[in-house]
């Protein structure tokens, strides 16, 4: 797997978690 793809997926997951905890 490419580094950029992993980074984008990680940032996407972190953003999702942030939104979930923000509106939880």
PDB file of N, CA and C in Angstrom:
ATOM      1  N   UNK A   1       0.848  -1.197   0.000  1.00  0.00           N
ATOM      2  CA  UNK A   1       0.000   0.000   0.000  1.00  0.00           C
ATOM      3  C   UNK A   1       0.886   1.249   0.000  1.00  0.00           C
ATOM      4  N   UNK A   2       0.419   2.290  -0.632  1.00  0.00           N
ATOM      5  CA  UNK A   2       1.219   3.511  -0.728  1.00  0.00           C
ATOM      6  C   UNK A   2       1.069   4.352   0.538  1.00  0.00           C
ATOM      7  N   UNK A   3       2.106   5.138   0.815  1.00  0.00           N
ATOM      8  CA  UNK A   3       2.105   5.954   2.028  1.00  0.00           C
ATOM      9  C   UNK A   3       1.011   7.017   1.979  1.00  0.00           C
ATOM     10  N   UNK A   4       0.850   7.640   0.810  1.00  0.00           N
ATOM     11  CA  UNK A   4      -0.144   8.709   0.682  1.00  0.00           C
ATOM     12  C   UNK A   4      -1.556   8.176   0.895  1.00  0.00           C
ATOM     13  N   UNK A   5      -1.801   6.953   0.408  1.00  0.00           N
ATOM     14  CA  UNK A   5      -3.130   6.357   0.562  1.00  0.00           C
ATOM     15  C   UNK A   5      -3.399   6.084   2.046  1.00  0.00           C
ATOM     16  N   UNK A   6      -2.396   5.575   2.748  1.00  0.00           N
ATOM     17  CA  UNK A   6      -2.538   5.293   4.172  1.00  0.00           C
ATOM     18  C   UNK A   6      -2.787   6.582   4.950  1.00  0.00           C
ATOM     19  N   UNK A   7      -2.073   7.630   4.577  1.00  0.00           N
ATOM     20  CA  UNK A   7      -2.220   8.913   5.264  1.00  0.00           C
ATOM     21  C   UNK A   7      -3.610   9.490   5.057  1.00  0.00           C
ATOM     22  N   UNK A   8      -4.095   9.396   3.824  1.00  0.00           N
ATOM     23  CA  UNK A   8      -5.423   9.937   3.524  1.00  0.00           C
ATOM     24  C   UNK A   8      -6.502   9.158   4.273  1.00  0.00           C
ATOM     25  N   UNK A   9      -6.333   7.841   4.342  1.00  0.00           N
ATOM     26  CA  UNK A   9      -7.300   7.013   5.059  1.00  0.00           C
ATOM     27  C   UNK A   9      -7.265   7.325   6.549  1.00  0.00           C
ATOM     28  N   UNK A  10      -6.065   7.530   7.091  1.00  0.00           N
ATOM     29  CA  UNK A  10      -5.921   7.834   8.512  1.00  0.00           C
ATOM     30  C   UNK A  10      -6.567   9.178   8.838  1.00  0.00           C
ATOM     31  N   UNK A  11      -6.316  10.174   7.995  1.00  0.00           N
ATOM     32  CA  UNK A  11      -6.897  11.499   8.228  1.00  0.00           C
ATOM     33  C   UNK A  11      -8.413  11.447   8.103  1.00  0.00           C
ATOM     34  N   UNK A  12      -8.894  10.634   7.165  1.00  0.00           N
ATOM     35  CA  UNK A  12     -10.337  10.495   6.975  1.00  0.00           C
ATOM     36  C   UNK A  12     -10.960   9.854   8.217  1.00  0.00           C
ATOM     37  N   UNK A  13     -10.305   8.832   8.764  1.00  0.00           N
ATOM     38  CA  UNK A  13     -10.810   8.147   9.951  1.00  0.00           C
ATOM     39  C   UNK A  13     -10.795   9.090  11.154  1.00  0.00           C
ATOM     40  N   UNK A  14      -9.722   9.869  11.291  1.00  0.00           N
ATOM     41  CA  UNK A  14      -9.628  10.806  12.406  1.00  0.00           C
ATOM     42  C   UNK A  14     -10.708  11.876  12.307  1.00  0.00           C
ATOM     43  N   UNK A  15     -10.953  12.346  11.096  1.00  0.00           N
ATOM     44  CA  UNK A  15     -12.006  13.346  10.887  1.00  0.00           C
ATOM     45  C   UNK A  15     -13.363  12.767  11.260  1.00  0.00           C
ATOM     46  N   UNK A  16     -13.607  11.512  10.862  1.00  0.00           N
ATOM     47  CA  UNK A  16     -14.868  10.847  11.168  1.00  0.00           C
ATOM     48  C   UNK A  16     -15.060  10.700  12.669  1.00  0.00           C
ATOM     49  N   UNK A  17     -13.988  10.293  13.355  1.00  0.00           N
ATOM     50  CA  UNK A  17     -14.071  10.134  14.806  1.00  0.00           C
ATOM     51  C   UNK A  17     -14.334  11.475  15.483  1.00  0.00           C
ATOM     52  N   UNK A  18     -13.664  12.522  14.987  1.00  0.00           N
ATOM     53  CA  UNK A  18     -13.850  13.858  15.552  1.00  0.00           C
ATOM     54  C   UNK A  18     -15.298  14.301  15.423  1.00  0.00           C
ATOM     55  N   UNK A  19     -15.881  14.076  14.254  1.00  0.00           N
ATOM     56  CA  UNK A  19     -17.272  14.457  14.015  1.00  0.00           C
ATOM     57  C   UNK A  19     -18.203  13.658  14.924  1.00  0.00           C
ATOM     58  N   UNK A  20     -17.935  12.360  15.056  1.00  0.00           N
ATOM     59  CA  UNK A  20     -18.777  11.499  15.896  1.00  0.00           C
ATOM     60  C   UNK A  20     -18.745  11.972  17.349  1.00  0.00           C
ATOM     61  N   UNK A  21     -17.533  12.255  17.864  1.00  0.00           N
ATOM     62  CA  UNK A  21     -17.430  12.689  19.254  1.00  0.00           C
ATOM     63  C   UNK A  21     -17.981  14.099  19.439  1.00  0.00           C
ATOM     64  N   UNK A  22     -17.887  14.920  18.390  1.00  0.00           N
ATOM     65  CA  UNK A  22     -18.371  16.292  18.478  1.00  0.00           C
ATOM     66  C   UNK A  22     -19.891  16.318  18.591  1.00  0.00           C
ATOM     67  N   UNK A  23     -20.551  15.435  17.822  1.00  0.00           N
ATOM     68  CA  UNK A  23     -22.017  15.423  17.805  1.00  0.00           C
ATOM     69  C   UNK A  23     -22.610  14.312  18.663  1.00  0.00           C
ATOM     70  N   UNK A  24     -21.759  13.573  19.365  1.00  0.00           N
ATOM     71  CA  UNK A  24     -22.255  12.466  20.181  1.00  0.00           C
ATOM     72  C   UNK A  24     -23.026  13.001  21.390  1.00  0.00           C
TER      73      UNK A  24
END
